[in-house]
Amino acid sequence: MAEANLKKKERARSWISEYTRVLKLAKKPGRKEYSLTSKVTGIGIVFIGIIGYLIKYFSVLIQNFGV
């Protein structure tokens, strides 16, 4: 049982050290990087919306064509 507790403590220490290292490397994005990320995300959302709309449009056409 002592070995299991020791392994859990070692895993927790390892996770905490990795988490701390990631936080030290992380930085706040600059205005230019944030703007670019927002634009790319917006374009992706619009693109997926257009694809969804086209799929729905063609499915309605196919259903009405069979009636």
PDB file of N, CA and C in Angstrom:
ATOM      1  N   MET A   1       0.814  -1.178   0.000  1.00  0.00           N
ATOM      2  CA  MET A   1       0.000   0.000   0.000  1.00  0.00           C
ATOM      3  C   MET A   1       0.869   1.258   0.000  1.00  0.00           C
ATOM      4  N   ALA A   2       2.002   1.176   0.658  1.00  0.00           N
ATOM      5  CA  ALA A   2       2.911   2.324   0.714  1.00  0.00           C
ATOM      6  C   ALA A   2       3.481   2.616  -0.680  1.00  0.00           C
ATOM      7  N   GLU A   3       3.707   1.530  -1.435  1.00  0.00           N
ATOM      8  CA  GLU A   3       4.223   1.714  -2.798  1.00  0.00           C
ATOM      9  C   GLU A   3       3.203   2.428  -3.678  1.00  0.00           C
ATOM     10  N   ALA A   4       1.943   2.096  -3.527  1.00  0.00           N
ATOM     11  CA  ALA A   4       0.885   2.729  -4.325  1.00  0.00           C
ATOM     12  C   ALA A   4       0.807   4.221  -4.014  1.00  0.00           C
ATOM     13  N   ASN A   5       0.899   4.567  -2.732  1.00  0.00           N
ATOM     14  CA  ASN A   5       0.877   5.980  -2.349  1.00  0.00           C
ATOM     15  C   ASN A   5       2.092   6.709  -2.891  1.00  0.00           C
ATOM     16  N   LEU A   6       3.247   6.033  -2.873  1.00  0.00           N
ATOM     17  CA  LEU A   6       4.474   6.634  -3.387  1.00  0.00           C
ATOM     18  C   LEU A   6       4.360   6.888  -4.887  1.00  0.00           C
ATOM     19  N   LYS A   7       3.786   5.933  -5.620  1.00  0.00           N
ATOM     20  CA  LYS A   7       3.601   6.104  -7.066  1.00  0.00           C
ATOM     21  C   LYS A   7       2.640   7.240  -7.361  1.00  0.00           C
ATOM     22  N   LYS A   8       1.560   7.346  -6.572  1.00  0.00           N
ATOM     23  CA  LYS A   8       0.605   8.432  -6.764  1.00  0.00           C
ATOM     24  C   LYS A   8       1.256   9.781  -6.513  1.00  0.00           C
ATOM     25  N   LYS A   9       2.080   9.858  -5.467  1.00  0.00           N
ATOM     26  CA  LYS A   9       2.764  11.114  -5.158  1.00  0.00           C
ATOM     27  C   LYS A   9       3.739  11.480  -6.266  1.00  0.00           C
ATOM     28  N   GLU A  10       4.448  10.479  -6.783  1.00  0.00           N
ATOM     29  CA  GLU A  10       5.413  10.734  -7.860  1.00  0.00           C
ATOM     30  C   GLU A  10       4.694  11.207  -9.121  1.00  0.00           C
ATOM     31  N   ARG A  11       3.558  10.582  -9.441  1.00  0.00           N
ATOM     32  CA  ARG A  11       2.786  11.020 -10.607  1.00  0.00           C
ATOM     33  C   ARG A  11       2.270  12.442 -10.428  1.00  0.00           C
ATOM     34  N   ALA A  12       1.827  12.752  -9.237  1.00  0.00           N
ATOM     35  CA  ALA A  12       1.326  14.103  -8.969  1.00  0.00           C
ATOM     36  C   ALA A  12       2.456  15.120  -9.106  1.00  0.00           C
ATOM     37  N   ARG A  13       3.623  14.814  -8.577  1.00  0.00           N
ATOM     38  CA  ARG A  13       4.773  15.720  -8.702  1.00  0.00           C
ATOM     39  C   ARG A  13       5.148  15.911 -10.166  1.00  0.00           C
ATOM     40  N   SER A  14       5.144  14.824 -10.922  1.00  0.00           N
ATOM     41  CA  SER A  14       5.486  14.891 -12.335  1.00  0.00           C
ATOM     42  C   SER A  14       4.479  15.769 -13.082  1.00  0.00           C
ATOM     43  N   TRP A  15       3.204  15.579 -12.793  1.00  0.00           N
ATOM     44  CA  TRP A  15       2.168  16.370 -13.455  1.00  0.00           C
ATOM     45  C   TRP A  15       2.298  17.845 -13.102  1.00  0.00           C
ATOM     46  N   ILE A  16       2.556  18.130 -11.847  1.00  0.00           N
ATOM     47  CA  ILE A  16       2.700  19.523 -11.411  1.00  0.00           C
ATOM     48  C   ILE A  16       3.904  20.172 -12.074  1.00  0.00           C
ATOM     49  N   SER A  17       5.020  19.447 -12.186  1.00  0.00           N
ATOM     50  CA  SER A  17       6.204  20.032 -12.822  1.00  0.00           C
ATOM     51  C   SER A  17       5.957  20.287 -14.313  1.00  0.00           C
ATOM     52  N   GLU A  18       5.268  19.372 -14.991  1.00  0.00           N
ATOM     53  CA  GLU A  18       4.936  19.585 -16.406  1.00  0.00           C
ATOM     54  C   GLU A  18       3.981  20.764 -16.570  1.00  0.00           C
ATOM     55  N   TYR A  19       2.993  20.847 -15.710  1.00  0.00           N
ATOM     56  CA  TYR A  19       2.020  21.937 -15.762  1.00  0.00           C
ATOM     57  C   TYR A  19       2.708  23.282 -15.536  1.00  0.00           C
ATOM     58  N   THR A  20       3.620  23.329 -14.572  1.00  0.00           N
ATOM     59  CA  THR A  20       4.359  24.553 -14.278  1.00  0.00           C
ATOM     60  C   THR A  20       5.222  24.959 -15.469  1.00  0.00           C
ATOM     61  N   ARG A  21       5.853  23.996 -16.106  1.00  0.00           N
ATOM     62  CA  ARG A  21       6.692  24.289 -17.263  1.00  0.00           C
ATOM     63  C   ARG A  21       5.873  24.874 -18.404  1.00  0.00           C
ATOM     64  N   VAL A  22       4.687  24.328 -18.642  1.00  0.00           N
ATOM     65  CA  VAL A  22       3.817  24.842 -19.708  1.00  0.00           C
ATOM     66  C   VAL A  22       3.379  26.267 -19.389  1.00  0.00           C
ATOM     67  N   LEU A  23       3.028  26.528 -18.147  1.00  0.00           N
ATOM     68  CA  LEU A  23       2.604  27.874 -17.764  1.00  0.00           C
ATOM     69  C   LEU A  23       3.735  28.891 -17.909  1.00  0.00           C
ATOM     70  N   LYS A  24       4.958  28.473 -17.656  1.00  0.00           N
ATOM     71  CA  LYS A  24       6.094  29.380 -17.813  1.00  0.00           C
ATOM     72  C   LYS A  24       6.324  29.719 -19.293  1.00  0.00           C
ATOM     73  N   LEU A  25       6.069  28.757 -20.179  1.00  0.00           N
ATOM     74  CA  LEU A  25       6.273  28.978 -21.612  1.00  0.00           C
ATOM     75  C   LEU A  25       5.128  29.753 -22.260  1.00  0.00           C
ATOM     76  N   ALA A  26       3.944  29.684 -21.658  1.00  0.00           N
ATOM     77  CA  ALA A  26       2.770  30.333 -22.247  1.00  0.00           C
ATOM     78  C   ALA A  26       2.910  31.854 -22.166  1.00  0.00           C
ATOM     79  N   LYS A  27       2.393  32.496 -23.196  1.00  0.00           N
ATOM     80  CA  LYS A  27       2.415  33.955 -23.202  1.00  0.00           C
ATOM     81  C   LYS A  27       1.110  34.460 -23.787  1.00  0.00           C
ATOM     82  N   LYS A  28       0.780  35.678 -23.458  1.00  0.00           N
ATOM     83  CA  LYS A  28      -0.429  36.300 -23.965  1.00  0.00           C
ATOM     84  C   LYS A  28      -0.206  36.671 -25.431  1.00  0.00           C
ATOM     85  N   PRO A  29      -1.167  36.355 -26.310  1.00  0.00           N
ATOM     86  CA  PRO A  29      -0.967  36.678 -27.724  1.00  0.00           C
ATOM     87  C   PRO A  29      -0.985  38.192 -27.949  1.00  0.00           C
ATOM     88  N   GLY A  30      -0.207  38.617 -28.919  1.00  0.00           N
ATOM     89  CA  GLY A  30      -0.189  40.023 -29.280  1.00  0.00           C
ATOM     90  C   GLY A  30      -1.429  40.393 -30.082  1.00  0.00           C
ATOM     91  N   ARG A  31      -1.582  41.666 -30.331  1.00  0.00           N
ATOM     92  CA  ARG A  31      -2.767  42.152 -31.057  1.00  0.00           C
ATOM     93  C   ARG A  31      -2.825  41.561 -32.469  1.00  0.00           C
ATOM     94  N   LYS A  32      -1.692  41.479 -33.139  1.00  0.00           N
ATOM     95  CA  LYS A  32      -1.647  40.959 -34.509  1.00  0.00           C
ATOM     96  C   LYS A  32      -2.015  39.468 -34.540  1.00  0.00           C
ATOM     97  N   GLU A  33      -1.450  38.700 -33.615  1.00  0.00           N
ATOM     98  CA  GLU A  33      -1.731  37.272 -33.553  1.00  0.00           C
ATOM     99  C   GLU A  33      -3.200  37.024 -33.205  1.00  0.00           C
ATOM    100  N   TYR A  34      -3.731  37.789 -32.274  1.00  0.00           N
ATOM    101  CA  TYR A  34      -5.136  37.650 -31.878  1.00  0.00           C
ATOM    102  C   TYR A  34      -6.061  37.976 -33.055  1.00  0.00           C
ATOM    103  N   SER A  35      -5.737  39.033 -33.792  1.00  0.00           N
ATOM    104  CA  SER A  35      -6.540  39.437 -34.940  1.00  0.00           C
ATOM    105  C   SER A  35      -6.539  38.349 -36.012  1.00  0.00           C
ATOM    106  N   LEU A  36      -5.377  37.797 -36.286  1.00  0.00           N
ATOM    107  CA  LEU A  36      -5.272  36.739 -37.293  1.00  0.00           C
ATOM    108  C   LEU A  36      -6.058  35.496 -36.867  1.00  0.00           C
ATOM    109  N   THR A  37      -5.946  35.122 -35.606  1.00  0.00           N
ATOM    110  CA  THR A  37      -6.675  33.961 -35.103  1.00  0.00           C
ATOM    111  C   THR A  37      -8.175  34.185 -35.208  1.00  0.00           C
ATOM    112  N   SER A  38      -8.629  35.387 -34.886  1.00  0.00           N
ATOM    113  CA  SER A  38     -10.056  35.705 -34.981  1.00  0.00           C
ATOM    114  C   SER A  38     -10.548  35.626 -36.423  1.00  0.00           C
ATOM    115  N   LYS A  39      -9.764  36.150 -37.346  1.00  0.00           N
ATOM    116  CA  LYS A  39     -10.160  36.110 -38.759  1.00  0.00           C
ATOM    117  C   LYS A  39     -10.254  34.674 -39.267  1.00  0.00           C
ATOM    118  N   VAL A  40      -9.253  33.869 -38.964  1.00  0.00           N
ATOM    119  CA  VAL A  40      -9.243  32.478 -39.438  1.00  0.00           C
ATOM    120  C   VAL A  40     -10.413  31.706 -38.830  1.00  0.00           C
ATOM    121  N   THR A  41     -10.688  31.929 -37.548  1.00  0.00           N
ATOM    122  CA  THR A  41     -11.808  31.258 -36.896  1.00  0.00           C
ATOM    123  C   THR A  41     -13.131  31.685 -37.514  1.00  0.00           C
ATOM    124  N   GLY A  42     -13.290  32.973 -37.768  1.00  0.00           N
ATOM    125  CA  GLY A  42     -14.515  33.475 -38.395  1.00  0.00           C
ATOM    126  C   GLY A  42     -14.727  32.902 -39.775  1.00  0.00           C
ATOM    127  N   ILE A  43     -13.668  32.837 -40.561  1.00  0.00           N
ATOM    128  CA  ILE A  43     -13.763  32.261 -41.910  1.00  0.00           C
ATOM    129  C   ILE A  43     -14.159  30.790 -41.822  1.00  0.00           C
ATOM    130  N   GLY A  44     -13.593  30.075 -40.862  1.00  0.00           N
ATOM    131  CA  GLY A  44     -13.937  28.662 -40.683  1.00  0.00           C
ATOM    132  C   GLY A  44     -15.391  28.467 -40.313  1.00  0.00           C
ATOM    133  N   ILE A  45     -15.903  29.320 -39.423  1.00  0.00           N
ATOM    134  CA  ILE A  45     -17.308  29.217 -39.018  1.00  0.00           C
ATOM    135  C   ILE A  45     -18.224  29.497 -40.201  1.00  0.00           C
ATOM    136  N   VAL A  46     -17.923  30.516 -40.980  1.00  0.00           N
ATOM    137  CA  VAL A  46     -18.740  30.845 -42.151  1.00  0.00           C
ATOM    138  C   VAL A  46     -18.692  29.706 -43.170  1.00  0.00           C
ATOM    139  N   PHE A  47     -17.509  29.147 -43.396  1.00  0.00           N
ATOM    140  CA  PHE A  47     -17.340  28.051 -44.353  1.00  0.00           C
ATOM    141  C   PHE A  47     -18.155  26.834 -43.939  1.00  0.00           C
ATOM    142  N   ILE A  48     -18.101  26.464 -42.678  1.00  0.00           N
ATOM    143  CA  ILE A  48     -18.870  25.313 -42.194  1.00  0.00           C
ATOM    144  C   ILE A  48     -20.364  25.601 -42.283  1.00  0.00           C
ATOM    145  N   GLY A  49     -20.768  26.845 -42.020  1.00  0.00           N
ATOM    146  CA  GLY A  49     -22.172  27.217 -42.153  1.00  0.00           C
ATOM    147  C   GLY A  49     -22.662  27.093 -43.580  1.00  0.00           C
ATOM    148  N   ILE A  50     -21.850  27.526 -44.528  1.00  0.00           N
ATOM    149  CA  ILE A  50     -22.221  27.418 -45.943  1.00  0.00           C
ATOM    150  C   ILE A  50     -22.361  25.956 -46.351  1.00  0.00           C
ATOM    151  N   ILE A  51     -21.444  25.132 -45.911  1.00  0.00           N
ATOM    152  CA  ILE A  51     -21.524  23.696 -46.234  1.00  0.00           C
ATOM    153  C   ILE A  51     -22.805  23.099 -45.647  1.00  0.00           C
ATOM    154  N   GLY A  52     -23.127  23.442 -44.388  1.00  0.00           N
ATOM    155  CA  GLY A  52     -24.353  22.935 -43.764  1.00  0.00           C
ATOM    156  C   GLY A  52     -25.602  23.402 -44.500  1.00  0.00           C
ATOM    157  N   TYR A  53     -25.594  24.670 -44.905  1.00  0.00           N
ATOM    158  CA  TYR A  53     -26.739  25.206 -45.647  1.00  0.00           C
ATOM    159  C   TYR A  53     -26.913  24.475 -46.981  1.00  0.00           C
ATOM    160  N   LEU A  54     -25.814  24.235 -47.700  1.00  0.00           N
ATOM    161  CA  LEU A  54     -25.899  23.540 -48.991  1.00  0.00           C
ATOM    162  C   LEU A  54     -26.400  22.110 -48.826  1.00  0.00           C
ATOM    163  N   ILE A  55     -25.933  21.438 -47.795  1.00  0.00           N
ATOM    164  CA  ILE A  55     -26.397  20.065 -47.549  1.00  0.00           C
ATOM    165  C   ILE A  55     -27.897  20.063 -47.273  1.00  0.00           C
ATOM    166  N   LYS A  56     -28.352  20.995 -46.432  1.00  0.00           N
ATOM    167  CA  LYS A  56     -29.779  21.081 -46.123  1.00  0.00           C
ATOM    168  C   LYS A  56     -30.590  21.426 -47.379  1.00  0.00           C
ATOM    169  N   TYR A  57     -30.086  22.352 -48.170  1.00  0.00           N
ATOM    170  CA  TYR A  57     -30.768  22.770 -49.400  1.00  0.00           C
ATOM    171  C   TYR A  57     -30.935  21.594 -50.357  1.00  0.00           C
ATOM    172  N   PHE A  58     -29.860  20.846 -50.573  1.00  0.00           N
ATOM    173  CA  PHE A  58     -29.934  19.713 -51.492  1.00  0.00           C
ATOM    174  C   PHE A  58     -30.796  18.587 -50.933  1.00  0.00           C
ATOM    175  N   SER A  59     -30.818  18.412 -49.622  1.00  0.00           N
ATOM    176  CA  SER A  59     -31.673  17.366 -49.058  1.00  0.00           C
ATOM    177  C   SER A  59     -33.143  17.728 -49.224  1.00  0.00           C
ATOM    178  N   VAL A  60     -33.473  19.013 -49.090  1.00  0.00           N
ATOM    179  CA  VAL A  60     -34.857  19.445 -49.312  1.00  0.00           C
ATOM    180  C   VAL A  60     -35.214  19.274 -50.788  1.00  0.00           C
ATOM    181  N   LEU A  61     -34.291  19.607 -51.689  1.00  0.00           N
ATOM    182  CA  LEU A  61     -34.554  19.429 -53.120  1.00  0.00           C
ATOM    183  C   LEU A  61     -34.809  17.965 -53.448  1.00  0.00           C
ATOM    184  N   ILE A  62     -34.003  17.085 -52.898  1.00  0.00           N
ATOM    185  CA  ILE A  62     -34.146  15.659 -53.172  1.00  0.00           C
ATOM    186  C   ILE A  62     -35.473  15.145 -52.626  1.00  0.00           C
ATOM    187  N   GLN A  63     -35.863  15.583 -51.426  1.00  0.00           N
ATOM    188  CA  GLN A  63     -37.131  15.132 -50.836  1.00  0.00           C
ATOM    189  C   GLN A  63     -38.325  15.639 -51.645  1.00  0.00           C
ATOM    190  N   ASN A  64     -38.284  16.870 -52.108  1.00  0.00           N
ATOM    191  CA  ASN A  64     -39.380  17.431 -52.880  1.00  0.00           C
ATOM    192  C   ASN A  64     -39.418  16.853 -54.292  1.00  0.00           C
ATOM    193  N   PHE A  65     -38.292  16.432 -54.786  1.00  0.00           N
ATOM    194  CA  PHE A  65     -38.218  15.867 -56.134  1.00  0.00           C
ATOM    195  C   PHE A  65     -38.888  14.501 -56.179  1.00  0.00           C
ATOM    196  N   GLY A  66     -38.825  13.762 -55.087  1.00  0.00           N
ATOM    197  CA  GLY A  66     -39.407  12.434 -55.042  1.00  0.00           C
ATOM    198  C   GLY A  66     -40.905  12.449 -54.832  1.00  0.00           C
ATOM    199  N   VAL A  67     -41.455  13.569 -54.383  1.00  0.00           N
ATOM    200  CA  VAL A  67     -42.897  13.629 -54.078  1.00  0.00           C
ATOM    201  C   VAL A  67     -43.703  13.866 -55.300  1.00  0.00           C
TER     202      VAL A  67
END
